[in-house]
Amino acid sequence: MRILVLIAIGLLLYIIISNLLRKNRSSPNVVTEKMVKCGHCGIHIPKKEAVHAGDDFYCSQAHLDDHRQVN
C-alpha cells in the first residue's frame, strides 16, 4: 500500500513539474498579424502584404486590376 501511495505522489509531482516547464517554454513574444481576404479570389493573406484599394484588399496587383476591369 505504501508503494502505491509513493507512486501516486511521484506521478503527481511529475505532472505538476512537466506542466510548469511546458508553460515556461511557450513564447510570450508571439506576434500575431491581422489577416484579410482577397476581394477577387478569397484567399486570406497578412494585411501588411495585401494590396488595398479603399476598404477592399487583394492578394496581388493583378487581382486588383482584374476587379477594376469587371466593375
PDB file of N, CA and C in Angstrom:
ATOM      1  N   MET A   1       0.826  -1.197   0.000  1.00  0.00           N
ATOM      2  CA  MET A   1       0.000   0.000   0.000  1.00  0.00           C
ATOM      3  C   MET A   1       0.866   1.255   0.000  1.00  0.00           C
ATOM      4  N   ARG A   2       1.961   1.211   0.762  1.00  0.00           N
ATOM      5  CA  ARG A   2       2.854   2.357   0.841  1.00  0.00           C
ATOM      6  C   ARG A   2       3.484   2.648  -0.525  1.00  0.00           C
ATOM      7  N   ILE A   3       3.778   1.592  -1.275  1.00  0.00           N
ATOM      8  CA  ILE A   3       4.387   1.764  -2.600  1.00  0.00           C
ATOM      9  C   ILE A   3       3.406   2.466  -3.544  1.00  0.00           C
ATOM     10  N   LEU A   4       2.135   2.105  -3.489  1.00  0.00           N
ATOM     11  CA  LEU A   4       1.129   2.744  -4.340  1.00  0.00           C
ATOM     12  C   LEU A   4       1.003   4.232  -4.027  1.00  0.00           C
ATOM     13  N   VAL A   5       1.038   4.593  -2.759  1.00  0.00           N
ATOM     14  CA  VAL A   5       0.961   6.000  -2.354  1.00  0.00           C
ATOM     15  C   VAL A   5       2.184   6.751  -2.872  1.00  0.00           C
ATOM     16  N   LEU A   6       3.381   6.157  -2.743  1.00  0.00           N
ATOM     17  CA  LEU A   6       4.597   6.805  -3.242  1.00  0.00           C
ATOM     18  C   LEU A   6       4.569   6.957  -4.759  1.00  0.00           C
ATOM     19  N   ILE A   7       4.062   5.963  -5.449  1.00  0.00           N
ATOM     20  CA  ILE A   7       3.943   6.058  -6.911  1.00  0.00           C
ATOM     21  C   ILE A   7       2.959   7.167  -7.289  1.00  0.00           C
ATOM     22  N   ALA A   8       1.836   7.256  -6.582  1.00  0.00           N
ATOM     23  CA  ALA A   8       0.842   8.297  -6.863  1.00  0.00           C
ATOM     24  C   ALA A   8       1.419   9.681  -6.609  1.00  0.00           C
ATOM     25  N   ILE A   9       2.170   9.846  -5.516  1.00  0.00           N
ATOM     26  CA  ILE A   9       2.796  11.144  -5.215  1.00  0.00           C
ATOM     27  C   ILE A   9       3.834  11.486  -6.281  1.00  0.00           C
ATOM     28  N   GLY A  10       4.624  10.497  -6.681  1.00  0.00           N
ATOM     29  CA  GLY A  10       5.616  10.722  -7.735  1.00  0.00           C
ATOM     30  C   GLY A  10       4.973  11.113  -9.048  1.00  0.00           C
ATOM     31  N   LEU A  11       3.892  10.462  -9.402  1.00  0.00           N
ATOM     32  CA  LEU A  11       3.177  10.789 -10.645  1.00  0.00           C
ATOM     33  C   LEU A  11       2.606  12.197 -10.595  1.00  0.00           C
ATOM     34  N   LEU A  12       2.032  12.579  -9.465  1.00  0.00           N
ATOM     35  CA  LEU A  12       1.504  13.937  -9.312  1.00  0.00           C
ATOM     36  C   LEU A  12       2.611  14.980  -9.439  1.00  0.00           C
ATOM     37  N   LEU A  13       3.741  14.734  -8.808  1.00  0.00           N
ATOM     38  CA  LEU A  13       4.868  15.667  -8.916  1.00  0.00           C
ATOM     39  C   LEU A  13       5.352  15.769 -10.360  1.00  0.00           C
ATOM     40  N   TYR A  14       5.412  14.645 -11.038  1.00  0.00           N
ATOM     41  CA  TYR A  14       5.832  14.646 -12.441  1.00  0.00           C
ATOM     42  C   TYR A  14       4.881  15.489 -13.298  1.00  0.00           C
ATOM     43  N   ILE A  15       3.584  15.312 -13.120  1.00  0.00           N
ATOM     44  CA  ILE A  15       2.595  16.070 -13.902  1.00  0.00           C
ATOM     45  C   ILE A  15       2.706  17.555 -13.605  1.00  0.00           C
ATOM     46  N   ILE A  16       2.824  17.925 -12.334  1.00  0.00           N
ATOM     47  CA  ILE A  16       2.900  19.339 -11.964  1.00  0.00           C
ATOM     48  C   ILE A  16       4.161  19.980 -12.538  1.00  0.00           C
ATOM     49  N   ILE A  17       5.293  19.317 -12.397  1.00  0.00           N
ATOM     50  CA  ILE A  17       6.551  19.881 -12.901  1.00  0.00           C
ATOM     51  C   ILE A  17       6.545  19.970 -14.418  1.00  0.00           C
ATOM     52  N   SER A  18       6.033  18.946 -15.102  1.00  0.00           N
ATOM     53  CA  SER A  18       6.013  18.998 -16.572  1.00  0.00           C
ATOM     54  C   SER A  18       5.091  20.113 -17.077  1.00  0.00           C
ATOM     55  N   ASN A  19       3.978  20.352 -16.383  1.00  0.00           N
ATOM     56  CA  ASN A  19       3.087  21.450 -16.773  1.00  0.00           C
ATOM     57  C   ASN A  19       3.760  22.802 -16.573  1.00  0.00           C
ATOM     58  N   LEU A  20       4.481  22.963 -15.469  1.00  0.00           N
ATOM     59  CA  LEU A  20       5.190  24.219 -15.225  1.00  0.00           C
ATOM     60  C   LEU A  20       6.271  24.459 -16.278  1.00  0.00           C
ATOM     61  N   LEU A  21       7.004  23.419 -16.627  1.00  0.00           N
ATOM     62  CA  LEU A  21       8.047  23.566 -17.642  1.00  0.00           C
ATOM     63  C   LEU A  21       7.456  23.871 -19.012  1.00  0.00           C
ATOM     64  N   ARG A  22       6.318  23.261 -19.327  1.00  0.00           N
ATOM     65  CA  ARG A  22       5.672  23.499 -20.622  1.00  0.00           C
ATOM     66  C   ARG A  22       5.206  24.955 -20.727  1.00  0.00           C
ATOM     67  N   LYS A  23       4.694  25.517 -19.636  1.00  0.00           N
ATOM     68  CA  LYS A  23       4.258  26.911 -19.640  1.00  0.00           C
ATOM     69  C   LYS A  23       5.435  27.851 -19.815  1.00  0.00           C
ATOM     70  N   ASN A  24       6.574  27.521 -19.237  1.00  0.00           N
ATOM     71  CA  ASN A  24       7.757  28.371 -19.352  1.00  0.00           C
ATOM     72  C   ASN A  24       8.356  28.337 -20.751  1.00  0.00           C
ATOM     73  N   ARG A  25       8.157  27.244 -21.463  1.00  0.00           N
ATOM     74  CA  ARG A  25       8.700  27.129 -22.825  1.00  0.00           C
ATOM     75  C   ARG A  25       7.905  27.923 -23.847  1.00  0.00           C
ATOM     76  N   SER A  26       6.639  28.165 -23.599  1.00  0.00           N
ATOM     77  CA  SER A  26       5.825  28.899 -24.567  1.00  0.00           C
ATOM     78  C   SER A  26       6.341  30.328 -24.680  1.00  0.00           C
ATOM     79  N   SER A  27       6.417  30.819 -25.892  1.00  0.00           N
ATOM     80  CA  SER A  27       6.994  32.133 -26.146  1.00  0.00           C
ATOM     81  C   SER A  27       5.973  33.236 -25.867  1.00  0.00           C
ATOM     82  N   PRO A  28       6.274  34.135 -24.928  1.00  0.00           N
ATOM     83  CA  PRO A  28       5.344  35.225 -24.650  1.00  0.00           C
ATOM     84  C   PRO A  28       5.432  36.331 -25.706  1.00  0.00           C
ATOM     85  N   ASN A  29       6.424  36.269 -26.582  1.00  0.00           N
ATOM     86  CA  ASN A  29       6.634  37.311 -27.587  1.00  0.00           C
ATOM     87  C   ASN A  29       6.037  36.940 -28.938  1.00  0.00           C
ATOM     88  N   VAL A  30       4.977  36.154 -28.948  1.00  0.00           N
ATOM     89  CA  VAL A  30       4.344  35.755 -30.193  1.00  0.00           C
ATOM     90  C   VAL A  30       3.630  36.963 -30.795  1.00  0.00           C
ATOM     91  N   VAL A  31       3.931  37.235 -32.053  1.00  0.00           N
ATOM     92  CA  VAL A  31       3.330  38.367 -32.743  1.00  0.00           C
ATOM     93  C   VAL A  31       2.277  37.825 -33.701  1.00  0.00           C
ATOM     94  N   THR A  32       1.067  38.334 -33.580  1.00  0.00           N
ATOM     95  CA  THR A  32       0.013  37.907 -34.490  1.00  0.00           C
ATOM     96  C   THR A  32      -0.212  38.992 -35.528  1.00  0.00           C
ATOM     97  N   GLU A  33      -0.605  38.571 -36.709  1.00  0.00           N
ATOM     98  CA  GLU A  33      -0.848  39.522 -37.785  1.00  0.00           C
ATOM     99  C   GLU A  33      -2.322  39.500 -38.160  1.00  0.00           C
ATOM    100  N   LYS A  34      -2.841  40.633 -38.509  1.00  0.00           N
ATOM    101  CA  LYS A  34      -4.221  40.750 -38.990  1.00  0.00           C
ATOM    102  C   LYS A  34      -4.274  40.152 -40.376  1.00  0.00           C
ATOM    103  N   MET A  35      -5.241  39.275 -40.606  1.00  0.00           N
ATOM    104  CA  MET A  35      -5.419  38.641 -41.906  1.00  0.00           C
ATOM    105  C   MET A  35      -6.616  39.281 -42.606  1.00  0.00           C
ATOM    106  N   VAL A  36      -6.497  39.422 -43.920  1.00  0.00           N
ATOM    107  CA  VAL A  36      -7.590  39.973 -44.725  1.00  0.00           C
ATOM    108  C   VAL A  36      -7.876  39.024 -45.885  1.00  0.00           C
ATOM    109  N   LYS A  37      -9.055  39.140 -46.429  1.00  0.00           N
ATOM    110  CA  LYS A  37      -9.499  38.267 -47.512  1.00  0.00           C
ATOM    111  C   LYS A  37      -9.416  39.005 -48.844  1.00  0.00           C
ATOM    112  N   CYS A  38      -8.833  38.353 -49.832  1.00  0.00           N
ATOM    113  CA  CYS A  38      -8.742  38.942 -51.173  1.00  0.00           C
ATOM    114  C   CYS A  38     -10.149  39.085 -51.746  1.00  0.00           C
ATOM    115  N   GLY A  39     -10.459  40.266 -52.245  1.00  0.00           N
ATOM    116  CA  GLY A  39     -11.771  40.529 -52.817  1.00  0.00           C
ATOM    117  C   GLY A  39     -12.009  39.846 -54.152  1.00  0.00           C
ATOM    118  N   HIS A  40     -10.964  39.268 -54.737  1.00  0.00           N
ATOM    119  CA  HIS A  40     -11.096  38.612 -56.036  1.00  0.00           C
ATOM    120  C   HIS A  40     -11.168  37.089 -55.894  1.00  0.00           C
ATOM    121  N   CYS A  41     -10.169  36.501 -55.228  1.00  0.00           N
ATOM    122  CA  CYS A  41     -10.106  35.033 -55.163  1.00  0.00           C
ATOM    123  C   CYS A  41     -10.495  34.467 -53.803  1.00  0.00           C
ATOM    124  N   GLY A  42     -10.556  35.300 -52.765  1.00  0.00           N
ATOM    125  CA  GLY A  42     -10.992  34.842 -51.455  1.00  0.00           C
ATOM    126  C   GLY A  42      -9.909  34.283 -50.552  1.00  0.00           C
ATOM    127  N   ILE A  43      -8.661  34.272 -51.014  1.00  0.00           N
ATOM    128  CA  ILE A  43      -7.577  33.762 -50.177  1.00  0.00           C
ATOM    129  C   ILE A  43      -7.306  34.743 -49.036  1.00  0.00           C
ATOM    130  N   HIS A  44      -6.901  34.231 -47.878  1.00  0.00           N
ATOM    131  CA  HIS A  44      -6.566  35.077 -46.733  1.00  0.00           C
ATOM    132  C   HIS A  44      -5.058  35.301 -46.709  1.00  0.00           C
ATOM    133  N   ILE A  45      -4.658  36.551 -46.560  1.00  0.00           N
ATOM    134  CA  ILE A  45      -3.247  36.929 -46.539  1.00  0.00           C
ATOM    135  C   ILE A  45      -3.018  37.945 -45.427  1.00  0.00           C
ATOM    136  N   PRO A  46      -1.766  38.079 -44.966  1.00  0.00           N
ATOM    137  CA  PRO A  46      -1.489  39.104 -43.960  1.00  0.00           C
ATOM    138  C   PRO A  46      -1.792  40.496 -44.501  1.00  0.00           C
ATOM    139  N   LYS A  47      -2.370  41.337 -43.669  1.00  0.00           N
ATOM    140  CA  LYS A  47      -2.792  42.667 -44.095  1.00  0.00           C
ATOM    141  C   LYS A  47      -1.629  43.488 -44.620  1.00  0.00           C
ATOM    142  N   LYS A  48      -0.443  43.330 -44.007  1.00  0.00           N
ATOM    143  CA  LYS A  48       0.701  44.138 -44.439  1.00  0.00           C
ATOM    144  C   LYS A  48       1.204  43.728 -45.826  1.00  0.00           C
ATOM    145  N   GLU A  49       0.857  42.535 -46.306  1.00  0.00           N
ATOM    146  CA  GLU A  49       1.262  42.091 -47.637  1.00  0.00           C
ATOM    147  C   GLU A  49       0.189  42.351 -48.691  1.00  0.00           C
ATOM    148  N   ALA A  50      -0.981  42.765 -48.274  1.00  0.00           N
ATOM    149  CA  ALA A  50      -2.106  42.929 -49.194  1.00  0.00           C
ATOM    150  C   ALA A  50      -2.018  44.245 -49.953  1.00  0.00           C
ATOM    151  N   VAL A  51      -2.577  44.220 -51.155  1.00  0.00           N
ATOM    152  CA  VAL A  51      -2.758  45.439 -51.951  1.00  0.00           C
ATOM    153  C   VAL A  51      -4.166  45.915 -51.638  1.00  0.00           C
ATOM    154  N   HIS A  52      -4.312  47.184 -51.267  1.00  0.00           N
ATOM    155  CA  HIS A  52      -5.655  47.628 -50.909  1.00  0.00           C
ATOM    156  C   HIS A  52      -6.077  48.828 -51.749  1.00  0.00           C
ATOM    157  N   ALA A  53      -7.376  48.857 -51.966  1.00  0.00           N
ATOM    158  CA  ALA A  53      -7.997  49.965 -52.683  1.00  0.00           C
ATOM    159  C   ALA A  53      -9.273  50.307 -51.922  1.00  0.00           C
ATOM    160  N   GLY A  54      -9.276  51.449 -51.265  1.00  0.00           N
ATOM    161  CA  GLY A  54     -10.430  51.809 -50.437  1.00  0.00           C
ATOM    162  C   GLY A  54     -10.521  50.879 -49.247  1.00  0.00           C
ATOM    163  N   ASP A  55     -11.680  50.247 -49.083  1.00  0.00           N
ATOM    164  CA  ASP A  55     -11.887  49.314 -47.979  1.00  0.00           C
ATOM    165  C   ASP A  55     -11.625  47.864 -48.379  1.00  0.00           C
ATOM    166  N   ASP A  56     -11.280  47.618 -49.631  1.00  0.00           N
ATOM    167  CA  ASP A  56     -11.075  46.261 -50.126  1.00  0.00           C
ATOM    168  C   ASP A  56      -9.591  45.911 -50.173  1.00  0.00           C
ATOM    169  N   PHE A  57      -9.298  44.615 -50.010  1.00  0.00           N
ATOM    170  CA  PHE A  57      -7.930  44.117 -50.039  1.00  0.00           C
ATOM    171  C   PHE A  57      -7.801  43.043 -51.104  1.00  0.00           C
ATOM    172  N   TYR A  58      -6.615  42.938 -51.698  1.00  0.00           N
ATOM    173  CA  TYR A  58      -6.341  41.965 -52.746  1.00  0.00           C
ATOM    174  C   TYR A  58      -4.985  41.337 -52.505  1.00  0.00           C
ATOM    175  N   CYS A  59      -4.816  40.082 -52.958  1.00  0.00           N
ATOM    176  CA  CYS A  59      -3.563  39.374 -52.726  1.00  0.00           C
ATOM    177  C   CYS A  59      -2.471  39.803 -53.692  1.00  0.00           C
ATOM    178  N   SER A  60      -2.844  40.462 -54.795  1.00  0.00           N
ATOM    179  CA  SER A  60      -1.838  40.922 -55.754  1.00  0.00           C
ATOM    180  C   SER A  60      -2.391  42.100 -56.553  1.00  0.00           C
ATOM    181  N   GLN A  61      -1.491  42.794 -57.196  1.00  0.00           N
ATOM    182  CA  GLN A  61      -1.890  43.912 -58.050  1.00  0.00           C
ATOM    183  C   GLN A  61      -2.729  43.410 -59.221  1.00  0.00           C
ATOM    184  N   ALA A  62      -2.413  42.210 -59.722  1.00  0.00           N
ATOM    185  CA  ALA A  62      -3.171  41.635 -60.839  1.00  0.00           C
ATOM    186  C   ALA A  62      -4.636  41.416 -60.452  1.00  0.00           C
ATOM    187  N   HIS A  63      -4.889  40.940 -59.232  1.00  0.00           N
ATOM    188  CA  HIS A  63      -6.266  40.741 -58.817  1.00  0.00           C
ATOM    189  C   HIS A  63      -6.991  42.063 -58.595  1.00  0.00           C
ATOM    190  N   LEU A  64      -6.290  43.073 -58.152  1.00  0.00           N
ATOM    191  CA  LEU A  64      -6.911  44.397 -58.040  1.00  0.00           C
ATOM    192  C   LEU A  64      -7.268  44.913 -59.422  1.00  0.00           C
ATOM    193  N   ASP A  65      -6.357  44.758 -60.395  1.00  0.00           N
ATOM    194  CA  ASP A  65      -6.637  45.197 -61.766  1.00  0.00           C
ATOM    195  C   ASP A  65      -7.799  44.418 -62.368  1.00  0.00           C
ATOM    196  N   ASP A  66      -7.842  43.093 -62.149  1.00  0.00           N
ATOM    197  CA  ASP A  66      -8.957  42.286 -62.660  1.00  0.00           C
ATOM    198  C   ASP A  66     -10.274  42.742 -62.068  1.00  0.00           C
ATOM    199  N   HIS A  67     -10.295  43.062 -60.782  1.00  0.00           N
ATOM    200  CA  HIS A  67     -11.516  43.515 -60.134  1.00  0.00           C
ATOM    201  C   HIS A  67     -11.974  44.857 -60.696  1.00  0.00           C
ATOM    202  N   ARG A  68     -11.031  45.736 -60.972  1.00  0.00           N
ATOM    203  CA  ARG A  68     -11.375  47.053 -61.535  1.00  0.00           C
ATOM    204  C   ARG A  68     -11.945  46.912 -62.948  1.00  0.00           C
ATOM    205  N   GLN A  69     -11.442  45.956 -63.713  1.00  0.00           N
ATOM    206  CA  GLN A  69     -11.940  45.750 -65.083  1.00  0.00           C
ATOM    207  C   GLN A  69     -13.362  45.232 -65.087  1.00  0.00           C
ATOM    208  N   VAL A  70     -13.699  44.368 -64.127  1.00  0.00           N
ATOM    209  CA  VAL A  70     -15.039  43.801 -64.052  1.00  0.00           C
ATOM    210  C   VAL A  70     -16.040  44.869 -63.648  1.00  0.00           C
ATOM    211  N   ASN A  71     -15.643  45.741 -62.720  1.00  0.00           N
ATOM    212  CA  ASN A  71     -16.571  46.774 -62.224  1.00  0.00           C
ATOM    213  C   ASN A  71     -16.404  47.995 -63.040  1.00  0.00           C
TER     214      ASN A  71
END
